[in-house]
Amino acid sequence: MPDFIQKKDLDAAVKALKEKGKGPEVADVVLEKINEGLCVQVLHVGPYEKEGETIAQMLSLAQEKGLVCHGPHHEIYLSDPRRVPPERLRTILRLPVGPAR
């Protein structure tokens, strides 16, 4: 989320979603800062089920550059899967890396 989004904004969104009948899991959303440092990042185009192939390529590139993964990857969804066919979904995949020791 952008820095200008605060807890009060999240609370208002959760309240609005609950009023629209969404399940209690909407209250599980949290705001957190991620300080990853150096990352391998790619725009994955295609279904979520094929992200593993892309992550494998990212790990291979990191290894070629003498880097190792030092945390879980995360995803930034750019497409709405309710409106975009799976083959056109766009997701940024980001994998924190650092020097091999």
PDB file of N, CA and C in Angstrom:
ATOM      1  N   MET A   1       0.833  -1.182   0.000  1.00  0.00           N
ATOM      2  CA  MET A   1       0.000   0.000   0.000  1.00  0.00           C
ATOM      3  C   MET A   1       0.875   1.242   0.000  1.00  0.00           C
ATOM      4  N   PRO A   2       0.396   2.285  -0.587  1.00  0.00           N
ATOM      5  CA  PRO A   2       1.147   3.541  -0.499  1.00  0.00           C
ATOM      6  C   PRO A   2       1.225   4.019   0.953  1.00  0.00           C
ATOM      7  N   ASP A   3       2.242   4.809   1.253  1.00  0.00           N
ATOM      8  CA  ASP A   3       2.450   5.285   2.627  1.00  0.00           C
ATOM      9  C   ASP A   3       1.276   6.082   3.180  1.00  0.00           C
ATOM     10  N   PHE A   4       0.487   6.710   2.311  1.00  0.00           N
ATOM     11  CA  PHE A   4      -0.602   7.543   2.834  1.00  0.00           C
ATOM     12  C   PHE A   4      -1.784   6.713   3.338  1.00  0.00           C
ATOM     13  N   ILE A   5      -1.804   5.425   3.081  1.00  0.00           N
ATOM     14  CA  ILE A   5      -2.857   4.551   3.613  1.00  0.00           C
ATOM     15  C   ILE A   5      -2.500   4.229   5.062  1.00  0.00           C
ATOM     16  N   GLN A   6      -3.413   4.544   5.967  1.00  0.00           N
ATOM     17  CA  GLN A   6      -3.189   4.352   7.396  1.00  0.00           C
ATOM     18  C   GLN A   6      -4.147   3.294   7.951  1.00  0.00           C
ATOM     19  N   LYS A   7      -3.952   2.930   9.205  1.00  0.00           N
ATOM     20  CA  LYS A   7      -4.801   1.935   9.855  1.00  0.00           C
ATOM     21  C   LYS A   7      -6.265   2.350   9.821  1.00  0.00           C
ATOM     22  N   LYS A   8      -6.545   3.619  10.002  1.00  0.00           N
ATOM     23  CA  LYS A   8      -7.937   4.090   9.976  1.00  0.00           C
ATOM     24  C   LYS A   8      -8.573   3.837   8.614  1.00  0.00           C
ATOM     25  N   ASP A   9      -7.782   3.944   7.553  1.00  0.00           N
ATOM     26  CA  ASP A   9      -8.289   3.663   6.207  1.00  0.00           C
ATOM     27  C   ASP A   9      -8.609   2.180   6.050  1.00  0.00           C
ATOM     28  N   LEU A  10      -7.725   1.339   6.563  1.00  0.00           N
ATOM     29  CA  LEU A  10      -7.964  -0.099   6.523  1.00  0.00           C
ATOM     30  C   LEU A  10      -9.209  -0.454   7.331  1.00  0.00           C
ATOM     31  N   ASP A  11      -9.335   0.120   8.518  1.00  0.00           N
ATOM     32  CA  ASP A  11     -10.502  -0.159   9.358  1.00  0.00           C
ATOM     33  C   ASP A  11     -11.797   0.233   8.649  1.00  0.00           C
ATOM     34  N   ALA A  12     -11.781   1.379   7.964  1.00  0.00           N
ATOM     35  CA  ALA A  12     -12.973   1.826   7.233  1.00  0.00           C
ATOM     36  C   ALA A  12     -13.296   0.870   6.084  1.00  0.00           C
ATOM     37  N   ALA A  13     -12.277   0.391   5.403  1.00  0.00           N
ATOM     38  CA  ALA A  13     -12.494  -0.546   4.296  1.00  0.00           C
ATOM     39  C   ALA A  13     -13.057  -1.867   4.809  1.00  0.00           C
ATOM     40  N   VAL A  14     -12.525  -2.359   5.919  1.00  0.00           N
ATOM     41  CA  VAL A  14     -13.019  -3.613   6.505  1.00  0.00           C
ATOM     42  C   VAL A  14     -14.477  -3.440   6.916  1.00  0.00           C
ATOM     43  N   LYS A  15     -14.795  -2.320   7.555  1.00  0.00           N
ATOM     44  CA  LYS A  15     -16.178  -2.065   7.971  1.00  0.00           C
ATOM     45  C   LYS A  15     -17.112  -2.050   6.755  1.00  0.00           C
ATOM     46  N   ALA A  16     -16.699  -1.360   5.699  1.00  0.00           N
ATOM     47  CA  ALA A  16     -17.520  -1.278   4.488  1.00  0.00           C
ATOM     48  C   ALA A  16     -17.721  -2.661   3.864  1.00  0.00           C
ATOM     49  N   LEU A  17     -16.677  -3.462   3.836  1.00  0.00           N
ATOM     50  CA  LEU A  17     -16.788  -4.805   3.264  1.00  0.00           C
ATOM     51  C   LEU A  17     -17.719  -5.687   4.091  1.00  0.00           C
ATOM     52  N   LYS A  18     -17.622  -5.590   5.404  1.00  0.00           N
ATOM     53  CA  LYS A  18     -18.519  -6.371   6.268  1.00  0.00           C
ATOM     54  C   LYS A  18     -19.966  -5.952   6.058  1.00  0.00           C
ATOM     55  N   GLU A  19     -20.195  -4.641   5.899  1.00  0.00           N
ATOM     56  CA  GLU A  19     -21.551  -4.144   5.655  1.00  0.00           C
ATOM     57  C   GLU A  19     -22.101  -4.649   4.316  1.00  0.00           C
ATOM     58  N   LYS A  20     -21.204  -4.947   3.382  1.00  0.00           N
ATOM     59  CA  LYS A  20     -21.620  -5.482   2.078  1.00  0.00           C
ATOM     60  C   LYS A  20     -21.791  -7.002   2.116  1.00  0.00           C
ATOM     61  N   GLY A  21     -21.587  -7.591   3.301  1.00  0.00           N
ATOM     62  CA  GLY A  21     -21.809  -9.024   3.437  1.00  0.00           C
ATOM     63  C   GLY A  21     -20.583  -9.891   3.259  1.00  0.00           C
ATOM     64  N   LYS A  22     -19.409  -9.288   3.189  1.00  0.00           N
ATOM     65  CA  LYS A  22     -18.195 -10.102   3.059  1.00  0.00           C
ATOM     66  C   LYS A  22     -17.931 -10.842   4.365  1.00  0.00           C
ATOM     67  N   GLY A  23     -17.230 -11.951   4.268  1.00  0.00           N
ATOM     68  CA  GLY A  23     -16.971 -12.800   5.427  1.00  0.00           C
ATOM     69  C   GLY A  23     -16.035 -12.176   6.438  1.00  0.00           C
ATOM     70  N   PRO A  24     -15.919 -12.789   7.612  1.00  0.00           N
ATOM     71  CA  PRO A  24     -15.089 -12.244   8.686  1.00  0.00           C
ATOM     72  C   PRO A  24     -13.598 -12.208   8.359  1.00  0.00           C
ATOM     73  N   GLU A  25     -13.181 -12.982   7.340  1.00  0.00           N
ATOM     74  CA  GLU A  25     -11.749 -13.007   6.996  1.00  0.00           C
ATOM     75  C   GLU A  25     -11.232 -11.659   6.507  1.00  0.00           C
ATOM     76  N   VAL A  26     -12.122 -10.740   6.105  1.00  0.00           N
ATOM     77  CA  VAL A  26     -11.640  -9.419   5.674  1.00  0.00           C
ATOM     78  C   VAL A  26     -10.953  -8.695   6.812  1.00  0.00           C
ATOM     79  N   ALA A  27     -11.290  -9.043   8.051  1.00  0.00           N
ATOM     80  CA  ALA A  27     -10.661  -8.409   9.215  1.00  0.00           C
ATOM     81  C   ALA A  27      -9.243  -8.928   9.447  1.00  0.00           C
ATOM     82  N   ASP A  28      -8.830  -9.965   8.713  1.00  0.00           N
ATOM     83  CA  ASP A  28      -7.493 -10.524   8.876  1.00  0.00           C
ATOM     84  C   ASP A  28      -6.426  -9.740   8.122  1.00  0.00           C
ATOM     85  N   VAL A  29      -6.842  -8.799   7.292  1.00  0.00           N
ATOM     86  CA  VAL A  29      -5.890  -8.015   6.510  1.00  0.00           C
ATOM     87  C   VAL A  29      -5.118  -7.085   7.444  1.00  0.00           C
ATOM     88  N   VAL A  30      -3.809  -7.020   7.240  1.00  0.00           N
ATOM     89  CA  VAL A  30      -2.964  -6.132   8.045  1.00  0.00           C
ATOM     90  C   VAL A  30      -2.085  -5.304   7.112  1.00  0.00           C
ATOM     91  N   LEU A  31      -1.680  -4.157   7.603  1.00  0.00           N
ATOM     92  CA  LEU A  31      -0.708  -3.332   6.892  1.00  0.00           C
ATOM     93  C   LEU A  31       0.649  -3.585   7.527  1.00  0.00           C
ATOM     94  N   GLU A  32       1.639  -3.865   6.700  1.00  0.00           N
ATOM     95  CA  GLU A  32       2.983  -4.053   7.226  1.00  0.00           C
ATOM     96  C   GLU A  32       4.002  -3.548   6.215  1.00  0.00           C
ATOM     97  N   LYS A  33       5.096  -3.052   6.735  1.00  0.00           N
ATOM     98  CA  LYS A  33       6.181  -2.606   5.870  1.00  0.00           C
ATOM     99  C   LYS A  33       7.119  -3.775   5.638  1.00  0.00           C
ATOM    100  N   ILE A  34       7.566  -3.895   4.401  1.00  0.00           N
ATOM    101  CA  ILE A  34       8.519  -4.932   4.053  1.00  0.00           C
ATOM    102  C   ILE A  34       9.795  -4.235   3.599  1.00  0.00           C
ATOM    103  N   ASN A  35      10.870  -4.481   4.307  1.00  0.00           N
ATOM    104  CA  ASN A  35      12.166  -3.910   3.938  1.00  0.00           C
ATOM    105  C   ASN A  35      13.013  -5.043   3.386  1.00  0.00           C
ATOM    106  N   GLU A  36      12.909  -5.262   2.092  1.00  0.00           N
ATOM    107  CA  GLU A  36      13.544  -6.422   1.484  1.00  0.00           C
ATOM    108  C   GLU A  36      14.980  -6.185   1.054  1.00  0.00           C
ATOM    109  N   GLY A  37      15.311  -4.984   0.704  1.00  0.00           N
ATOM    110  CA  GLY A  37      16.622  -4.754   0.136  1.00  0.00           C
ATOM    111  C   GLY A  37      16.671  -5.225  -1.309  1.00  0.00           C
ATOM    112  N   LEU A  38      17.774  -5.827  -1.688  1.00  0.00           N
ATOM    113  CA  LEU A  38      17.979  -6.297  -3.050  1.00  0.00           C
ATOM    114  C   LEU A  38      16.991  -7.409  -3.393  1.00  0.00           C
ATOM    115  N   CYS A  39      16.392  -7.323  -4.581  1.00  0.00           N
ATOM    116  CA  CYS A  39      15.389  -8.314  -5.006  1.00  0.00           C
ATOM    117  C   CYS A  39      15.587  -8.689  -6.468  1.00  0.00           C
ATOM    118  N   VAL A  40      15.129  -9.882  -6.791  1.00  0.00           N
ATOM    119  CA  VAL A  40      14.898 -10.272  -8.177  1.00  0.00           C
ATOM    120  C   VAL A  40      13.399 -10.086  -8.371  1.00  0.00           C
ATOM    121  N   GLN A  41      13.032  -9.365  -9.408  1.00  0.00           N
ATOM    122  CA  GLN A  41      11.623  -9.053  -9.643  1.00  0.00           C
ATOM    123  C   GLN A  41      11.289  -9.298 -11.102  1.00  0.00           C
ATOM    124  N   VAL A  42      10.068  -9.781 -11.335  1.00  0.00           N
ATOM    125  CA  VAL A  42       9.635 -10.051 -12.706  1.00  0.00           C
ATOM    126  C   VAL A  42       8.137  -9.814 -12.809  1.00  0.00           C
ATOM    127  N   LEU A  43       7.712  -9.446 -14.003  1.00  0.00           N
ATOM    128  CA  LEU A  43       6.286  -9.369 -14.305  1.00  0.00           C
ATOM    129  C   LEU A  43       5.886 -10.729 -14.872  1.00  0.00           C
ATOM    130  N   HIS A  44       5.102 -11.465 -14.124  1.00  0.00           N
ATOM    131  CA  HIS A  44       4.596 -12.771 -14.575  1.00  0.00           C
ATOM    132  C   HIS A  44       3.282 -12.519 -15.298  1.00  0.00           C
ATOM    133  N   VAL A  45       3.182 -12.994 -16.530  1.00  0.00           N
ATOM    134  CA  VAL A  45       1.937 -12.898 -17.292  1.00  0.00           C
ATOM    135  C   VAL A  45       1.438 -14.313 -17.502  1.00  0.00           C
ATOM    136  N   GLY A  46       0.264 -14.593 -16.976  1.00  0.00           N
ATOM    137  CA  GLY A  46      -0.322 -15.921 -17.107  1.00  0.00           C
ATOM    138  C   GLY A  46      -1.005 -16.339 -15.828  1.00  0.00           C
ATOM    139  N   PRO A  47      -1.475 -17.582 -15.791  1.00  0.00           N
ATOM    140  CA  PRO A  47      -2.226 -18.060 -14.633  1.00  0.00           C
ATOM    141  C   PRO A  47      -1.348 -18.196 -13.395  1.00  0.00           C
ATOM    142  N   TYR A  48      -1.994 -18.044 -12.244  1.00  0.00           N
ATOM    143  CA  TYR A  48      -1.277 -18.163 -10.973  1.00  0.00           C
ATOM    144  C   TYR A  48      -0.615 -19.532 -10.846  1.00  0.00           C
ATOM    145  N   GLU A  49      -1.230 -20.557 -11.407  1.00  0.00           N
ATOM    146  CA  GLU A  49      -0.707 -21.914 -11.290  1.00  0.00           C
ATOM    147  C   GLU A  49       0.670 -22.071 -11.931  1.00  0.00           C
ATOM    148  N   LYS A  50       1.038 -21.153 -12.816  1.00  0.00           N
ATOM    149  CA  LYS A  50       2.336 -21.250 -13.497  1.00  0.00           C
ATOM    150  C   LYS A  50       3.405 -20.359 -12.863  1.00  0.00           C
ATOM    151  N   GLU A  51       3.073 -19.708 -11.753  1.00  0.00           N
ATOM    152  CA  GLU A  51       4.052 -18.836 -11.100  1.00  0.00           C
ATOM    153  C   GLU A  51       5.273 -19.617 -10.628  1.00  0.00           C
ATOM    154  N   GLY A  52       5.081 -20.881 -10.252  1.00  0.00           N
ATOM    155  CA  GLY A  52       6.212 -21.700  -9.791  1.00  0.00           C
ATOM    156  C   GLY A  52       7.318 -21.796 -10.832  1.00  0.00           C
ATOM    157  N   GLU A  53       6.941 -21.893 -12.101  1.00  0.00           N
ATOM    158  CA  GLU A  53       7.931 -21.938 -13.185  1.00  0.00           C
ATOM    159  C   GLU A  53       8.719 -20.632 -13.248  1.00  0.00           C
ATOM    160  N   THR A  54       8.013 -19.521 -13.084  1.00  0.00           N
ATOM    161  CA  THR A  54       8.667 -18.211 -13.132  1.00  0.00           C
ATOM    162  C   THR A  54       9.584 -18.030 -11.927  1.00  0.00           C
ATOM    163  N   ILE A  55       9.142 -18.469 -10.764  1.00  0.00           N
ATOM    164  CA  ILE A  55       9.980 -18.359  -9.562  1.00  0.00           C
ATOM    165  C   ILE A  55      11.232 -19.209  -9.714  1.00  0.00           C
ATOM    166  N   ALA A  56      11.108 -20.378 -10.323  1.00  0.00           N
ATOM    167  CA  ALA A  56      12.285 -21.213 -10.577  1.00  0.00           C
ATOM    168  C   ALA A  56      13.287 -20.480 -11.464  1.00  0.00           C
ATOM    169  N   GLN A  57      12.804 -19.762 -12.472  1.00  0.00           N
ATOM    170  CA  GLN A  57      13.685 -18.973 -13.341  1.00  0.00           C
ATOM    171  C   GLN A  57      14.341 -17.839 -12.549  1.00  0.00           C
ATOM    172  N   MET A  58      13.594 -17.236 -11.647  1.00  0.00           N
ATOM    173  CA  MET A  58      14.142 -16.162 -10.821  1.00  0.00           C
ATOM    174  C   MET A  58      15.261 -16.694  -9.925  1.00  0.00           C
ATOM    175  N   LEU A  59      15.033 -17.865  -9.321  1.00  0.00           N
ATOM    176  CA  LEU A  59      16.054 -18.471  -8.464  1.00  0.00           C
ATOM    177  C   LEU A  59      17.300 -18.834  -9.267  1.00  0.00           C
ATOM    178  N   SER A  60      17.106 -19.309 -10.486  1.00  0.00           N
ATOM    179  CA  SER A  60      18.229 -19.650 -11.351  1.00  0.00           C
ATOM    180  C   SER A  60      19.049 -18.409 -11.691  1.00  0.00           C
ATOM    181  N   LEU A  61      18.366 -17.317 -12.024  1.00  0.00           N
ATOM    182  CA  LEU A  61      19.067 -16.062 -12.318  1.00  0.00           C
ATOM    183  C   LEU A  61      19.846 -15.588 -11.103  1.00  0.00           C
ATOM    184  N   ALA A  62      19.219 -15.639  -9.932  1.00  0.00           N
ATOM    185  CA  ALA A  62      19.908 -15.221  -8.710  1.00  0.00           C
ATOM    186  C   ALA A  62      21.177 -16.037  -8.503  1.00  0.00           C
ATOM    187  N   GLN A  63      21.066 -17.351  -8.690  1.00  0.00           N
ATOM    188  CA  GLN A  63      22.221 -18.233  -8.522  1.00  0.00           C
ATOM    189  C   GLN A  63      23.337 -17.880  -9.511  1.00  0.00           C
ATOM    190  N   GLU A  64      22.963 -17.613 -10.764  1.00  0.00           N
ATOM    191  CA  GLU A  64      23.953 -17.213 -11.775  1.00  0.00           C
ATOM    192  C   GLU A  64      24.703 -15.952 -11.360  1.00  0.00           C
ATOM    193  N   LYS A  65      24.034 -15.072 -10.630  1.00  0.00           N
ATOM    194  CA  LYS A  65      24.625 -13.804 -10.200  1.00  0.00           C
ATOM    195  C   LYS A  65      25.299 -13.912  -8.838  1.00  0.00           C
ATOM    196  N   GLY A  66      25.373 -15.136  -8.281  1.00  0.00           N
ATOM    197  CA  GLY A  66      26.021 -15.333  -6.986  1.00  0.00           C
ATOM    198  C   GLY A  66      25.153 -14.899  -5.813  1.00  0.00           C
ATOM    199  N   LEU A  67      23.848 -14.921  -6.006  1.00  0.00           N
ATOM    200  CA  LEU A  67      22.916 -14.497  -4.966  1.00  0.00           C
ATOM    201  C   LEU A  67      22.099 -15.686  -4.479  1.00  0.00           C
ATOM    202  N   VAL A  68      21.614 -15.581  -3.256  1.00  0.00           N
ATOM    203  CA  VAL A  68      20.733 -16.598  -2.702  1.00  0.00           C
ATOM    204  C   VAL A  68      19.484 -15.923  -2.157  1.00  0.00           C
ATOM    205  N   CYS A  69      18.423 -16.673  -2.138  1.00  0.00           N
ATOM    206  CA  CYS A  69      17.158 -16.185  -1.593  1.00  0.00           C
ATOM    207  C   CYS A  69      17.310 -16.058  -0.076  1.00  0.00           C
ATOM    208  N   HIS A  70      16.799 -14.969   0.493  1.00  0.00           N
ATOM    209  CA  HIS A  70      16.873 -14.834   1.950  1.00  0.00           C
ATOM    210  C   HIS A  70      15.528 -14.430   2.563  1.00  0.00           C
ATOM    211  N   GLY A  71      14.473 -14.886   1.953  1.00  0.00           N
ATOM    212  CA  GLY A  71      13.131 -14.638   2.492  1.00  0.00           C
ATOM    213  C   GLY A  71      12.093 -15.102   1.506  1.00  0.00           C
ATOM    214  N   PRO A  72      10.843 -15.123   1.946  1.00  0.00           N
ATOM    215  CA  PRO A  72       9.782 -15.583   1.047  1.00  0.00           C
ATOM    216  C   PRO A  72       9.509 -14.579  -0.063  1.00  0.00           C
ATOM    217  N   HIS A  73       9.068 -15.070  -1.201  1.00  0.00           N
ATOM    218  CA  HIS A  73       8.691 -14.159  -2.282  1.00  0.00           C
ATOM    219  C   HIS A  73       7.343 -13.536  -1.931  1.00  0.00           C
ATOM    220  N   HIS A  74       7.030 -12.438  -2.586  1.00  0.00           N
ATOM    221  CA  HIS A  74       5.675 -11.914  -2.462  1.00  0.00           C
ATOM    222  C   HIS A  74       5.178 -11.482  -3.821  1.00  0.00           C
ATOM    223  N   GLU A  75       3.882 -11.277  -3.875  1.00  0.00           N
ATOM    224  CA  GLU A  75       3.206 -11.038  -5.151  1.00  0.00           C
ATOM    225  C   GLU A  75       2.403  -9.747  -5.084  1.00  0.00           C
ATOM    226  N   ILE A  76       2.402  -9.027  -6.188  1.00  0.00           N
ATOM    227  CA  ILE A  76       1.586  -7.819  -6.326  1.00  0.00           C
ATOM    228  C   ILE A  76       0.672  -8.065  -7.514  1.00  0.00           C
ATOM    229  N   TYR A  77      -0.609  -8.163  -7.238  1.00  0.00           N
ATOM    230  CA  TYR A  77      -1.586  -8.491  -8.278  1.00  0.00           C
ATOM    231  C   TYR A  77      -1.995  -7.234  -9.028  1.00  0.00           C
ATOM    232  N   LEU A  78      -1.789  -7.236 -10.325  1.00  0.00           N
ATOM    233  CA  LEU A  78      -2.121  -6.086 -11.163  1.00  0.00           C
ATOM    234  C   LEU A  78      -3.433  -6.280 -11.908  1.00  0.00           C
ATOM    235  N   SER A  79      -3.921  -7.510 -11.957  1.00  0.00           N
ATOM    236  CA  SER A  79      -5.143  -7.831 -12.696  1.00  0.00           C
ATOM    237  C   SER A  79      -6.203  -8.359 -11.745  1.00  0.00           C
ATOM    238  N   ASP A  80      -7.441  -8.196 -12.139  1.00  0.00           N
ATOM    239  CA  ASP A  80      -8.573  -8.734 -11.391  1.00  0.00           C
ATOM    240  C   ASP A  80      -8.962 -10.067 -12.028  1.00  0.00           C
ATOM    241  N   PRO A  81      -8.750 -11.193 -11.328  1.00  0.00           N
ATOM    242  CA  PRO A  81      -9.033 -12.494 -11.941  1.00  0.00           C
ATOM    243  C   PRO A  81     -10.518 -12.706 -12.254  1.00  0.00           C
ATOM    244  N   ARG A  82     -11.369 -11.850 -11.732  1.00  0.00           N
ATOM    245  CA  ARG A  82     -12.793 -11.954 -12.067  1.00  0.00           C
ATOM    246  C   ARG A  82     -13.084 -11.339 -13.427  1.00  0.00           C
ATOM    247  N   ARG A  83     -12.141 -10.526 -13.940  1.00  0.00           N
ATOM    248  CA  ARG A  83     -12.375  -9.810 -15.199  1.00  0.00           C
ATOM    249  C   ARG A  83     -11.373 -10.124 -16.292  1.00  0.00           C
ATOM    250  N   VAL A  84     -10.274 -10.757 -15.940  1.00  0.00           N
ATOM    251  CA  VAL A  84      -9.192 -11.008 -16.900  1.00  0.00           C
ATOM    252  C   VAL A  84      -9.019 -12.517 -17.043  1.00  0.00           C
ATOM    253  N   PRO A  85      -8.933 -13.011 -18.271  1.00  0.00           N
ATOM    254  CA  PRO A  85      -8.712 -14.452 -18.442  1.00  0.00           C
ATOM    255  C   PRO A  85      -7.351 -14.867 -17.866  1.00  0.00           C
ATOM    256  N   PRO A  86      -7.241 -16.096 -17.373  1.00  0.00           N
ATOM    257  CA  PRO A  86      -6.007 -16.543 -16.721  1.00  0.00           C
ATOM    258  C   PRO A  86      -4.740 -16.298 -17.536  1.00  0.00           C
ATOM    259  N   GLU A  87      -4.796 -16.491 -18.846  1.00  0.00           N
ATOM    260  CA  GLU A  87      -3.579 -16.324 -19.658  1.00  0.00           C
ATOM    261  C   GLU A  87      -3.127 -14.867 -19.750  1.00  0.00           C
ATOM    262  N   ARG A  88      -3.960 -13.918 -19.325  1.00  0.00           N
ATOM    263  CA  ARG A  88      -3.601 -12.498 -19.381  1.00  0.00           C
ATOM    264  C   ARG A  88      -3.393 -11.866 -18.006  1.00  0.00           C
ATOM    265  N   LEU A  89      -3.493 -12.672 -16.929  1.00  0.00           N
ATOM    266  CA  LEU A  89      -3.272 -12.138 -15.587  1.00  0.00           C
ATOM    267  C   LEU A  89      -1.849 -11.605 -15.477  1.00  0.00           C
ATOM    268  N   ARG A  90      -1.713 -10.483 -14.795  1.00  0.00           N
ATOM    269  CA  ARG A  90      -0.396  -9.857 -14.617  1.00  0.00           C
ATOM    270  C   ARG A  90      -0.105  -9.743 -13.128  1.00  0.00           C
ATOM    271  N   THR A  91       1.046 -10.299 -12.729  1.00  0.00           N
ATOM    272  CA  THR A  91       1.443 -10.331 -11.331  1.00  0.00           C
ATOM    273  C   THR A  91       2.924 -10.003 -11.227  1.00  0.00           C
ATOM    274  N   ILE A  92       3.265  -9.069 -10.368  1.00  0.00           N
ATOM    275  CA  ILE A  92       4.680  -8.815 -10.089  1.00  0.00           C
ATOM    276  C   ILE A  92       5.112  -9.805  -9.025  1.00  0.00           C
ATOM    277  N   LEU A  93       6.158 -10.559  -9.307  1.00  0.00           N
ATOM    278  CA  LEU A  93       6.749 -11.485  -8.345  1.00  0.00           C
ATOM    279  C   LEU A  93       8.066 -10.883  -7.877  1.00  0.00           C
ATOM    280  N   ARG A  94       8.266 -10.844  -6.575  1.00  0.00           N
ATOM    281  CA  ARG A  94       9.471 -10.226  -6.015  1.00  0.00           C
ATOM    282  C   ARG A  94      10.086 -11.192  -5.003  1.00  0.00           C
ATOM    283  N   LEU A  95      11.377 -11.446  -5.166  1.00  0.00           N
ATOM    284  CA  LEU A  95      12.092 -12.401  -4.336  1.00  0.00           C
ATOM    285  C   LEU A  95      13.310 -11.719  -3.716  1.00  0.00           C
ATOM    286  N   PRO A  96      13.340 -11.560  -2.393  1.00  0.00           N
ATOM    287  CA  PRO A  96      14.506 -10.935  -1.773  1.00  0.00           C
ATOM    288  C   PRO A  96      15.736 -11.840  -1.866  1.00  0.00           C
ATOM    289  N   VAL A  97      16.850 -11.234  -2.221  1.00  0.00           N
ATOM    290  CA  VAL A  97      18.094 -11.993  -2.390  1.00  0.00           C
ATOM    291  C   VAL A  97      19.246 -11.245  -1.739  1.00  0.00           C
ATOM    292  N   GLY A  98      20.327 -11.966  -1.551  1.00  0.00           N
ATOM    293  CA  GLY A  98      21.542 -11.384  -1.008  1.00  0.00           C
ATOM    294  C   GLY A  98      22.735 -12.212  -1.443  1.00  0.00           C
ATOM    295  N   PRO A  99      23.926 -11.738  -1.124  1.00  0.00           N
ATOM    296  CA  PRO A  99      25.136 -12.470  -1.518  1.00  0.00           C
ATOM    297  C   PRO A  99      25.187 -13.846  -0.878  1.00  0.00           C
ATOM    298  N   ALA A 100      25.680 -14.822  -1.651  1.00  0.00           N
ATOM    299  CA  ALA A 100      25.906 -16.160  -1.085  1.00  0.00           C
ATOM    300  C   ALA A 100      27.046 -16.059  -0.076  1.00  0.00           C
ATOM    301  N   ARG A 101      26.941 -16.778   0.984  1.00  0.00           N
ATOM    302  CA  ARG A 101      27.984 -16.694   2.039  1.00  0.00           C
ATOM    303  C   ARG A 101      28.911 -17.869   1.976  1.00  0.00           C
TER     304      ARG A 101
END
